[in-house]
Protein backbone atom coordinates (compact mmCIF):
# COMPACT_ATOMS: atom_id res chain seq x y z
CA MET A 1 70.31 47.73 23.20
CA ARG A 2 67.05 47.07 24.93
CA ILE A 3 65.10 48.38 22.01
CA SER A 4 67.06 46.10 19.70
CA LYS A 5 66.26 43.03 21.80
CA ILE A 6 62.58 43.82 21.90
CA PHE A 7 62.44 44.39 18.18
CA THR A 8 64.32 41.16 17.50
CA GLY A 9 61.90 39.18 19.71
CA ARG A 10 58.89 40.56 17.89
CA CYS A 11 60.42 39.68 14.54
CA ILE A 12 60.89 36.12 15.72
CA PHE A 13 57.23 36.01 16.97
CA PHE A 14 55.71 37.29 13.73
CA GLY A 15 58.00 35.04 11.75
CA ALA A 16 56.66 32.05 13.64
CA ILE A 17 53.08 33.09 12.84
CA ALA A 18 54.00 33.41 9.18
CA ILE A 19 55.53 29.93 9.22
CA ILE A 20 52.40 28.47 10.87
CA PHE A 21 50.04 30.04 8.34
CA GLY A 22 52.39 29.02 5.54
CA TRP A 23 52.22 25.44 6.85
CA PHE A 24 48.45 25.16 7.01
CA LEU A 25 46.92 27.24 4.25
CA PRO A 26 48.44 25.65 1.12
CA SER A 27 47.67 22.13 2.37
CA ARG A 28 44.06 23.08 3.14
CA VAL A 29 43.56 24.44 -0.34
CA GLN A 30 45.14 21.39 -1.92
CA ALA A 31 42.96 19.05 0.19
CA GLN A 32 39.65 20.12 -1.31
CA ASN A 33 38.16 17.42 -3.56
CA ALA A 34 34.75 17.70 -5.21
CA GLY A 35 32.09 17.11 -2.61
CA ASN A 36 34.48 16.54 0.30
CA ASN A 37 34.91 18.62 3.42
CA ALA A 38 38.52 19.01 4.62
CA VAL A 39 39.54 17.75 8.05
CA TYR A 40 42.80 17.99 10.00
CA SER A 41 44.86 14.84 9.64
CA GLY A 42 48.25 14.93 11.32
CA PRO A 43 51.34 16.85 10.25
CA THR A 44 50.23 17.11 6.62
CA CYS A 45 47.30 19.15 7.95
CA CYS A 46 44.33 18.48 5.81
CA THR A 47 42.94 15.58 3.81
CA PRO A 48 39.54 15.18 2.15
CA SER A 49 36.77 13.64 4.25
CA ALA A 50 34.57 11.08 2.53
CA ALA A 51 32.21 10.91 5.48
CA PHE A 52 30.31 14.08 4.49
CA ILE A 53 29.65 14.68 0.79
CA ASP A 54 28.14 17.85 -0.67
CA ALA A 55 25.91 16.66 -3.52
CA SER A 56 25.35 20.15 -4.93
CA VAL A 57 28.81 20.25 -6.59
CA PHE A 58 28.02 17.40 -8.97
CA SER A 59 26.49 18.37 -12.29
CA SER A 60 23.37 16.47 -13.29
CA SER A 61 21.44 18.61 -15.81
CA GLY A 62 18.81 19.44 -13.20
CA ASP A 63 18.28 15.91 -11.82
CA LEU A 64 18.55 15.98 -8.03
CA CYS A 65 18.54 12.19 -7.72
CA ALA A 66 21.43 11.88 -10.14
CA GLN A 67 23.44 14.32 -8.00
CA ILE A 68 22.64 12.34 -4.85
CA ASN A 69 23.49 9.12 -6.68
CA THR A 70 26.95 10.44 -7.58
CA ALA A 71 27.53 11.57 -4.01
CA LEU A 72 26.53 8.15 -2.67
CA THR A 73 29.23 6.52 -4.81
CA LYS A 74 31.83 8.75 -3.10
CA LEU A 75 31.02 7.45 0.38
CA PRO A 76 33.26 4.83 1.98
CA PRO A 77 31.82 1.35 2.67
CA SER A 78 31.26 2.42 6.29
CA GLY A 79 28.88 5.14 5.08
CA GLY A 80 28.39 8.80 5.86
CA VAL A 81 26.25 11.84 5.09
CA VAL A 82 25.11 13.11 1.70
CA ASP A 83 24.10 16.76 1.90
CA ALA A 84 21.75 17.83 -0.92
CA ARG A 85 20.43 20.92 0.85
CA GLY A 86 22.37 23.22 -1.45
CA ILE A 87 20.50 22.03 -4.55
CA SER A 88 17.85 24.44 -5.76
CA THR A 89 14.26 23.23 -6.27
CA PRO A 90 11.92 22.34 -7.91
CA GLN A 91 13.80 19.32 -9.21
CA ALA A 92 12.78 16.20 -11.10
CA CYS A 93 14.16 12.68 -10.60
CA ALA A 94 14.26 10.21 -13.47
CA ALA A 95 15.35 7.34 -11.21
CA SER A 96 15.78 6.49 -7.55
CA PRO A 97 18.95 7.96 -5.94
CA TRP A 98 20.13 4.38 -5.30
CA ASN A 99 19.59 3.21 -8.86
CA GLY A 100 22.51 1.16 -10.16
CA ILE A 101 24.36 0.97 -6.82
CA SER A 102 24.67 -2.74 -6.11
CA ASN A 103 25.84 -2.44 -2.49
CA PRO A 104 24.77 0.98 -1.16
CA PRO A 105 26.70 2.21 1.90
CA PRO A 106 24.84 3.34 5.03
CA ALA A 107 23.82 6.94 4.47
CA ASP A 108 21.95 9.89 5.93
CA VAL A 109 20.61 11.91 2.98
CA LEU A 110 19.70 15.54 3.69
CA LEU A 111 17.08 16.73 1.20
CA PRO A 112 16.61 20.39 0.20
CA ALA A 113 13.56 22.54 0.87
CA GLY A 114 11.05 22.78 -1.95
CA THR A 115 9.36 20.25 -4.23
CA ILE A 116 11.01 17.10 -5.57
CA TYR A 117 9.18 15.40 -8.47
CA ILE A 118 9.87 11.68 -8.79
CA GLU A 119 9.19 9.50 -11.83
CA THR A 120 9.40 6.23 -9.93
CA THR A 121 9.37 4.84 -6.38
CA TRP A 122 12.30 5.55 -4.10
CA VAL A 123 13.37 2.23 -2.56
CA LEU A 124 15.55 2.90 0.49
CA PRO A 125 18.33 0.36 1.13
CA ASN A 126 19.58 -0.95 4.46
CA ALA A 127 20.74 1.63 7.05
CA THR A 128 19.50 4.57 4.97
CA ARG A 129 17.72 7.59 6.40
CA ILE A 130 16.31 10.57 4.50
CA PHE A 131 15.72 13.90 6.20
CA GLY A 132 13.81 16.85 4.77
CA GLU A 133 13.55 20.38 6.06
CA ARG A 134 10.55 20.38 8.38
CA GLN A 135 7.37 21.67 6.70
CA ASN A 136 9.40 22.67 3.63
CA THR A 137 10.38 19.47 1.77
CA PHE A 138 7.76 17.95 -0.54
CA VAL A 139 8.00 14.73 -2.55
CA THR A 140 5.38 14.30 -5.25
CA ALA A 141 4.66 11.93 -8.11
CA CYS A 142 5.63 13.25 -11.54
CA SER A 143 2.88 14.32 -13.90
CA THR A 144 3.57 15.84 -17.31
CA SER A 145 0.45 18.00 -17.17
CA PRO A 146 1.35 19.90 -14.98
CA PRO A 147 4.17 20.20 -13.93
CA ALA A 148 5.92 20.22 -17.27
CA ASN A 149 9.36 19.75 -15.72
CA CYS A 150 8.81 15.95 -15.57
CA ALA A 151 9.91 13.90 -18.56
CA LYS A 152 7.26 11.26 -17.94
CA ASP A 153 4.45 10.35 -15.56
CA PHE A 154 5.14 8.49 -12.33
CA VAL A 155 5.59 4.70 -12.69
CA PRO A 156 5.60 2.64 -9.45
CA SER A 157 8.51 0.24 -9.02
CA ASP A 158 6.21 -2.67 -8.10
CA SER A 159 2.68 -3.61 -7.08
CA ASN A 160 2.86 -1.59 -3.84
CA ASP A 161 2.20 1.62 -5.83
CA ALA A 162 4.09 3.69 -3.28
CA LEU A 163 6.15 6.86 -3.35
CA ILE A 164 8.62 5.47 -0.79
CA GLU A 165 9.45 1.86 0.10
CA MET A 166 11.54 1.16 3.18
CA GLY A 167 13.77 -1.72 2.14
CA SER A 168 13.20 -4.45 -0.43
CA SER A 169 13.79 -8.15 -1.00
CA SER A 170 16.76 -7.36 -3.23
CA PHE A 171 18.48 -5.01 -0.78
CA CYS A 172 17.97 -7.19 2.30
CA PRO A 173 15.91 -10.38 1.86
CA ALA A 174 16.19 -11.20 5.58
CA GLY A 175 15.03 -7.73 6.60
CA CYS A 176 16.68 -4.30 6.68
CA HIS A 177 17.55 -2.25 9.76
CA GLY A 178 17.87 1.46 10.39
CA VAL A 179 15.73 2.73 7.51
CA ALA A 180 13.98 6.02 8.28
CA VAL A 181 12.01 8.90 6.76
CA GLN A 182 11.77 12.19 8.62
CA ASP A 183 10.41 15.69 7.93
CA VAL A 184 9.03 14.98 4.45
CA PHE A 185 5.55 15.78 3.10
CA PHE A 186 4.17 13.47 0.40
CA VAL A 187 1.59 14.79 -2.05
CA VAL A 188 0.07 13.46 -5.28
CA PRO A 189 -1.16 15.67 -8.18
CA ASP A 190 -4.82 15.59 -9.18
CA ALA A 191 -3.97 13.46 -12.22
CA TYR A 192 -3.23 10.49 -9.95
CA THR A 193 -6.46 10.32 -7.97
CA ALA A 194 -7.46 7.11 -9.74
CA LEU A 195 -4.00 5.56 -9.29
CA ARG A 196 -4.45 5.53 -5.49
CA LEU A 197 -0.81 5.81 -4.52
CA ASN A 198 0.40 4.81 -1.06
CA GLY A 199 2.70 7.20 0.70
CA ILE A 200 5.20 5.00 2.58
CA VAL A 201 5.23 1.19 2.54
CA ASN A 202 7.46 -0.68 4.99
CA GLN A 203 7.47 -4.43 4.47
CA TYR A 204 11.21 -5.14 4.82
CA SER A 205 12.64 -2.92 7.57
CA ARG A 206 12.86 -4.01 11.20
CA GLU A 207 14.54 -2.46 14.25
CA LEU A 208 15.71 1.15 14.22
CA SER A 209 13.43 1.87 11.25
CA TYR A 210 10.90 4.65 11.73
CA VAL A 211 8.91 7.55 10.25
CA ASP A 212 8.70 10.89 12.05
CA HIS A 213 7.07 14.23 11.16
CA ALA A 214 5.63 13.13 7.81
CA GLY A 215 2.53 14.37 6.01
CA PHE A 216 0.38 12.80 3.29
CA ALA A 217 -2.11 14.47 0.93
CA ASN A 218 -4.19 13.46 -2.13
CA LEU A 219 -3.08 9.82 -1.99
CA ASN A 220 -6.47 8.07 -2.09
CA ALA A 221 -4.66 5.06 -0.61
CA ALA A 222 -2.73 4.36 2.60
CA GLY A 223 -0.51 7.02 4.03
CA LEU A 224 1.55 4.40 5.86
CA LEU A 225 1.42 0.62 5.43
CA VAL A 226 3.58 -1.58 7.67
CA GLY A 227 4.20 -5.33 7.41
CA GLY A 228 2.69 -8.17 5.45
CA VAL A 229 5.80 -10.09 4.28
CA THR A 230 6.97 -13.12 6.26
CA GLY A 231 10.66 -13.99 6.47
CA SER A 232 12.30 -17.39 6.51
CA ASP A 233 12.22 -17.37 10.33
CA GLY A 234 8.42 -17.07 10.28
CA SER A 235 8.34 -13.49 11.56
CA ASP A 236 7.16 -10.42 9.71
CA LEU A 237 10.11 -8.63 8.08
CA ALA A 238 8.85 -5.27 9.39
CA ALA A 239 8.39 -6.48 13.00
CA ASN A 240 9.65 -4.19 15.76
CA SER A 241 9.97 -1.22 13.43
CA GLY A 242 8.90 2.22 14.55
CA PRO A 243 7.83 4.23 16.34
CA TYR A 244 5.77 5.98 13.69
CA SER A 245 5.18 9.43 15.09
CA ASN A 246 3.86 12.92 14.34
CA LEU A 247 1.96 12.05 11.16
CA ASN A 248 -0.71 14.02 9.31
CA TYR A 249 -2.99 12.47 6.69
CA ASN A 250 -5.41 14.35 4.43
CA PRO A 251 -6.21 11.89 1.64
CA CYS A 252 -8.40 13.60 -0.92
CA PRO A 253 -8.77 17.38 -0.80
CA HIS A 254 -9.15 17.75 -4.57
CA SER A 255 -11.83 20.20 -5.63
CA GLY A 256 -14.95 18.22 -6.52
CA ASP A 257 -13.33 14.87 -5.73
CA SER A 258 -14.24 12.36 -3.08
CA CYS A 259 -12.15 9.76 -1.31
CA ALA A 260 -11.97 6.23 -2.66
CA ALA A 261 -14.05 4.04 -0.35
CA GLY A 262 -12.26 0.98 0.94
CA THR A 263 -8.74 2.08 -0.06
CA THR A 264 -8.26 5.49 1.53
CA LYS A 265 -6.65 4.43 4.78
CA CYS A 266 -4.55 6.53 7.09
CA VAL A 267 -2.38 3.76 8.57
CA VAL A 268 -2.42 -0.04 8.26
CA LEU A 269 -0.39 -2.04 10.79
CA ASN A 270 0.05 -5.64 9.68
CA ALA A 271 3.06 -6.23 11.94
CA GLN A 272 4.09 -5.76 15.55
CA THR A 273 5.67 -2.31 15.87
CA ARG A 274 7.06 0.06 18.45
CA GLY A 275 3.89 2.10 18.20
CA LEU A 276 1.97 4.77 16.35
CA HIS A 277 2.26 7.93 18.44
CA GLY A 278 0.76 11.24 17.41
CA ILE A 279 -1.37 11.32 14.25
CA THR A 280 -4.22 13.29 12.66
CA CYS A 281 -6.42 11.63 10.01
CA ILE A 282 -8.98 13.66 8.03
CA GLY A 283 -11.45 11.90 5.74
CA ASP A 284 -14.62 13.06 3.95
CA ALA A 285 -18.33 12.29 3.52
CA THR A 286 -17.59 9.27 1.29
CA LEU A 287 -15.79 7.58 4.17
CA SER A 288 -17.84 8.74 7.14
CA CYS A 289 -21.48 8.01 6.31
CA GLN A 290 -23.09 5.65 8.81
CA THR A 291 -23.84 3.14 6.07
CA CYS A 292 -20.16 3.14 5.02
CA ALA A 293 -19.05 0.23 7.20
CA GLY A 294 -15.54 -0.85 6.33
CA ASN A 295 -13.93 2.57 6.02
CA ALA A 296 -11.51 2.99 8.91
CA ALA A 297 -8.73 5.50 9.43
CA ILE A 298 -6.34 3.20 11.30
CA TYR A 299 -6.27 -0.60 11.00
CA VAL A 300 -4.53 -2.59 13.74
CA ASN A 301 -4.23 -6.06 12.27
CA ALA A 302 -1.31 -7.38 14.32
CA SER A 303 -0.58 -8.01 17.98
CA ASN A 304 1.57 -5.95 20.31
CA ASN A 305 0.88 -2.44 19.03
CA SER A 306 0.23 0.83 20.83
CA ILE A 307 -1.76 3.68 19.27
CA GLU A 308 -1.59 6.96 21.19
CA ASP A 309 -2.51 10.63 20.77
CA VAL A 310 -4.85 10.36 17.79
CA HIS A 311 -7.30 12.80 16.21
CA ILE A 312 -9.67 11.44 13.54
CA GLU A 313 -12.39 13.16 11.49
CA GLY A 314 -14.57 12.05 8.62
CA TYR A 315 -14.28 8.25 8.87
CA TRP A 316 -16.79 5.51 9.71
CA ASP A 317 -14.36 3.83 12.14
CA GLY A 318 -11.56 5.66 13.85
CA ILE A 319 -9.35 2.78 14.98
CA GLU A 320 -10.36 -0.71 13.88
CA ILE A 321 -8.74 -3.63 15.74
CA GLY A 322 -8.59 -7.14 14.31
CA ASP A 323 -10.00 -6.86 10.77
CA VAL A 324 -8.44 -10.28 10.09
CA ALA A 325 -9.64 -13.71 9.06
CA ALA A 326 -9.30 -16.91 11.10
CA PRO A 327 -7.00 -18.33 12.32
CA ALA A 328 -5.25 -14.96 12.79
CA VAL A 329 -5.04 -13.63 16.37
CA VAL A 330 -4.68 -9.98 17.40
CA GLY A 331 -3.92 -9.14 21.04
CA GLY A 332 -1.80 -7.02 23.31
CA VAL A 333 -3.14 -3.76 21.84
CA LEU A 334 -3.08 -0.44 23.70
CA ILE A 335 -5.21 2.51 22.56
CA SER A 336 -4.84 5.83 24.37
CA ASN A 337 -6.03 9.42 24.00
CA VAL A 338 -8.20 9.28 20.89
CA THR A 339 -10.71 11.88 19.67
CA GLY A 340 -13.18 11.29 16.85
CA GLY A 341 -15.60 13.75 15.27
CA PHE A 342 -16.72 15.73 12.22
CA ASN A 343 -14.25 17.18 9.71
CA GLY A 344 -16.09 20.48 9.34
CA GLY A 345 -16.47 20.02 5.59
CA GLY A 346 -19.78 18.18 5.32
CA ALA A 347 -18.58 14.78 6.48
CA GLY A 348 -20.54 12.88 9.08
CA PRO A 349 -19.26 11.82 12.48
CA VAL A 350 -16.88 9.00 13.29
CA THR A 351 -19.45 6.28 13.94
CA ASN A 352 -17.17 4.13 16.12
CA VAL A 353 -14.11 5.87 17.52
CA ALA A 354 -12.57 2.55 18.62
CA HIS A 355 -13.94 -0.66 17.08
CA ILE A 356 -12.93 -4.16 18.19
CA CYS A 357 -13.82 -6.63 15.43
CA GLY A 358 -15.65 -9.86 16.19
CA PRO A 359 -18.75 -11.94 15.37
CA ASN A 360 -21.16 -10.21 17.79
CA SER A 361 -22.43 -6.88 16.52
CA PRO A 362 -25.61 -6.34 18.55
CA ASN A 363 -26.48 -2.89 17.26
CA LEU A 364 -26.58 -3.04 13.50
CA GLY A 365 -26.89 0.72 13.38
CA PHE A 366 -23.25 0.97 14.38
CA GLY A 367 -22.11 -1.56 11.77
CA ALA A 368 -19.67 -4.45 11.70
CA CYS A 369 -16.10 -4.87 10.50
CA ALA A 370 -15.56 -6.22 7.00
CA ILE A 371 -13.89 -9.37 8.40
CA THR A 372 -15.16 -10.86 11.65
CA THR A 373 -13.68 -14.36 11.93
CA GLY A 374 -10.31 -13.56 13.55
CA THR A 375 -9.65 -13.73 17.29
CA VAL A 376 -9.14 -10.51 19.27
CA SER A 377 -8.32 -10.28 22.98
CA ASP A 378 -6.24 -8.34 25.51
CA VAL A 379 -7.17 -4.87 24.31
CA SER A 380 -6.83 -1.87 26.65
CA ILE A 381 -8.43 1.43 25.67
CA PHE A 382 -7.97 4.69 27.60
CA GLN A 383 -9.38 8.20 27.20
CA VAL A 384 -11.63 8.00 24.16
CA ASN A 385 -13.45 11.22 23.28
CA ASP A 386 -16.46 11.01 20.94
CA VAL A 387 -17.71 14.35 19.58
CA ASN A 388 -20.87 13.28 17.78
CA ASN A 389 -22.83 16.53 17.32
CA GLY A 390 -26.08 14.79 18.18
CA LYS A 391 -25.57 11.78 15.92
CA GLU A 392 -25.88 8.15 17.04
CA THR A 393 -22.30 6.97 17.52
CA THR A 394 -20.17 4.91 19.88
CA SER A 395 -17.01 5.73 21.72
CA ILE A 396 -16.23 2.01 21.79
CA GLN A 397 -17.82 -0.79 19.79
CA ASP A 398 -16.73 -4.25 20.96
CA ASP A 399 -17.98 -6.98 18.63
CA VAL A 400 -16.17 -9.71 20.58
CA THR A 401 -18.54 -9.38 23.55
CA GLY A 402 -21.34 -7.50 21.82
CA THR A 403 -20.79 -4.25 23.72
CA SER A 404 -21.63 -0.74 22.56
CA ILE A 405 -20.68 2.32 24.61
CA ALA A 406 -22.82 4.89 22.89
CA SER A 407 -22.76 8.67 23.08
CA PRO A 408 -25.64 10.81 24.30
CA LEU A 409 -27.70 12.72 21.75
CA ASN A 410 -27.42 16.04 23.58
CA ASN A 411 -24.20 17.05 21.76
CA ASP A 412 -22.15 16.42 24.89
CA PRO A 413 -18.92 14.58 24.15
CA SER A 414 -18.69 11.03 25.44
CA ILE A 415 -15.42 10.40 27.25
CA VAL A 416 -14.55 6.84 28.26
CA GLY A 417 -11.74 6.72 30.78
CA MET A 418 -11.00 3.02 30.40
CA TYR A 419 -12.28 -0.07 28.64
CA ALA A 420 -10.47 -3.40 28.88
CA LEU A 421 -11.19 -6.59 26.99
CA GLY A 422 -9.36 -9.59 28.39
CA GLU A 423 -9.31 -13.19 27.27
CA ALA A 424 -11.99 -15.82 26.90
CA VAL A 425 -12.90 -17.51 30.20
CA ALA A 426 -12.21 -21.23 29.93
CA GLY A 427 -15.31 -23.39 29.93
CA THR A 428 -17.67 -20.47 29.25
CA THR A 429 -18.72 -18.22 26.41
CA GLY A 430 -17.64 -15.16 28.38
CA TYR A 431 -14.65 -12.82 28.41
CA SER A 432 -12.98 -10.85 31.16
CA ARG A 433 -14.02 -7.24 30.64
CA PHE A 434 -14.05 -3.95 32.52
CA SER A 435 -15.05 -0.33 31.92
CA THR A 436 -15.23 2.90 33.87
CA PHE A 437 -18.21 3.89 31.71
CA PRO A 438 -20.96 1.45 32.67
CA ASN A 439 -23.94 2.68 30.67
CA ASN A 440 -24.56 6.05 29.16
CA ALA A 441 -27.93 7.77 28.93
CA ILE A 442 -30.23 6.11 26.42
CA THR A 443 -29.67 7.45 22.91
CA GLY A 444 -33.35 7.61 22.13
CA THR A 445 -33.37 4.72 19.67
CA ALA A 446 -33.28 1.17 21.04
CA GLN A 447 -31.14 0.06 18.13
CA PHE A 448 -28.41 2.45 19.27
CA ASP A 449 -28.54 1.90 23.05
CA SER A 450 -25.41 1.44 25.11
CA THR A 451 -24.67 -1.93 26.65
CA ILE A 452 -24.34 -2.51 30.39
CA VAL A 453 -20.66 -3.02 31.24
CA PRO A 454 -19.65 -4.06 34.78
CA THR A 455 -17.43 -1.58 36.62
CA TRP A 456 -15.43 -1.48 39.83
CA GLY A 457 -16.32 1.43 42.06
CA VAL A 458 -14.41 2.69 45.10
CA GLY A 459 -15.60 4.66 48.13
CA ASN A 460 -14.85 5.28 51.83
CA SER A 461 -18.13 3.84 53.10
CA ALA A 462 -20.65 1.13 52.32
CA PRO A 463 -22.60 1.67 49.09
CA PRO A 464 -26.31 2.54 49.09
CA THR A 465 -28.79 -0.31 48.88
CA ALA A 466 -29.73 0.22 45.25
CA CYS A 467 -27.13 -0.11 42.51
CA SER A 468 -29.00 1.42 39.60
CA ASN A 469 -27.13 3.57 37.10
CA PRO A 470 -27.50 7.33 37.64
CA GLY A 471 -30.13 8.76 35.34
CA ALA A 472 -32.51 6.69 33.29
CA GLY A 473 -30.18 3.78 32.62
CA PRO A 474 -30.68 0.22 33.87
CA ASN A 475 -28.94 -1.34 36.86
CA LEU A 476 -25.25 -2.26 37.16
CA THR A 477 -25.65 -6.00 37.60
CA GLY A 478 -22.24 -7.66 37.89
CA SER A 479 -20.41 -4.55 39.06
CA ILE A 480 -18.12 -4.48 42.12
CA PHE A 481 -17.73 -1.84 44.82
CA SER A 482 -14.81 -1.55 47.26
CA ASN A 483 -15.36 0.03 50.69
CA THR A 484 -11.79 1.11 51.46
CA THR A 485 -12.38 2.06 55.14
CA GLY A 486 -14.76 -0.64 56.39
CA THR A 487 -17.17 2.00 57.71
CA PRO A 488 -19.64 1.95 59.27
CA SER A 489 -18.08 -0.38 61.81
CA GLY A 490 -18.28 -4.00 60.78
CA SER A 491 -19.19 -3.16 57.18
CA LYS A 492 -18.03 -5.46 54.42
CA THR A 493 -15.27 -4.23 52.08
CA ILE A 494 -16.30 -5.90 48.81
CA TRP A 495 -19.83 -5.62 47.38
CA VAL A 496 -21.37 -6.92 44.15
CA CYS A 497 -24.46 -5.65 42.34
CA VAL A 498 -27.11 -8.39 42.02
CA ALA A 499 -30.49 -7.61 40.46
CA GLY A 500 -30.28 -3.92 41.29
CA THR A 501 -29.09 -4.33 44.90
CA TRP A 502 -25.58 -4.15 46.40
CA GLN A 503 -24.83 -7.44 48.17
CA PRO A 504 -21.87 -7.78 50.63
CA VAL A 505 -19.28 -10.42 49.73
CA ILE A 506 -16.21 -10.00 51.96
């Protein structure tokens, strides 16, 4: 009897399991639609999810963009994810993935590893983000010779001549939001050296729009260009975009080629952004010669921008601030942790690691900006490292006040801890200005000498009588010294350097 009860109970248990599996499995199989993942949805178990579409199941005769395009049409109006990682590469694209979609839904598009050849510009619509596989996804302009898998050569969608455009006037005339590019490397075949393609152009995407972990090679134009289109409210349509982070730019490594002077720019900021943080820019001898004024790696042509963690080689200017014409004003700029030097491939040094544009270029050997009539003020520069290898260069060239902080000729790097340019002092021709690097050792050529810059020193006792610069440099006239302890007894706490002598003030 006991055995019978036990056996009966087990039969009931296994029968229940069979019923459960019988309930779920057929529904799950029936729920699979092309491209959809199944999700649990109440007592009927499983229904197709339109929030995550697998683009690899759609046939396209080898056109990755056509497969993505089909998947995008399956998304609900609220948007979702299009996963193209299962598509084998290399692949060619005859049109943009958003071609023919009048009202594209918000989408995160996951690109596959490998090379994607595009025949025209990808224009990203509002709330669209594309993600590659880090260091493994490459987007390149189509060329029929080679690679032969392209039906035609690359044709830009408009005058921007770019591989990627973030937003457009047709998608969002008042400005897009949430447009992003991440983990994609952009490269141009040798056949397009003369075309001078830009990598990414953002003129229509505002907040929540950014670029992260992107690389650029062979472009012979700008890797990243931000701003330049004004909206109906008077603001730039790319304002407050960013940050733009972890970028690498190597413009013209073709064998036997040289960079295109005047167009090969690493980054151009024509709008206020949330910053450029972490970038390496490598130029060549065409861009770095000391008579090549006008070739800069990074142009800051708009107020309220921060540029941090930068390494630049093979350019005449590293970071150029305010290359704008009157009545434009550039201010509120922060530069931090910048190194400039040789590229190791025959290029000269970075002549001016940080260059503030203005009408007063006292040392013609260091050169002037191409445009000098705009107004620049409120610029703070921290930790600039100039590796000049014995060449006459500056860590900071300030053409607003006519200041050059030059590097020594003994191959020692010149490191400027801080340089601050304030605003014009009312009623005078002067500016508020401060530096922790008052005057370096003389370069050996008067034309390339550093300029005296007042500093503010601090110590726990009164300063010595003389206030001459250590070494062979001239005195520190105009500098201030703070005695923080008031020792010896009765000593003043604030001193100013006048004609080579510290004079007590307070």
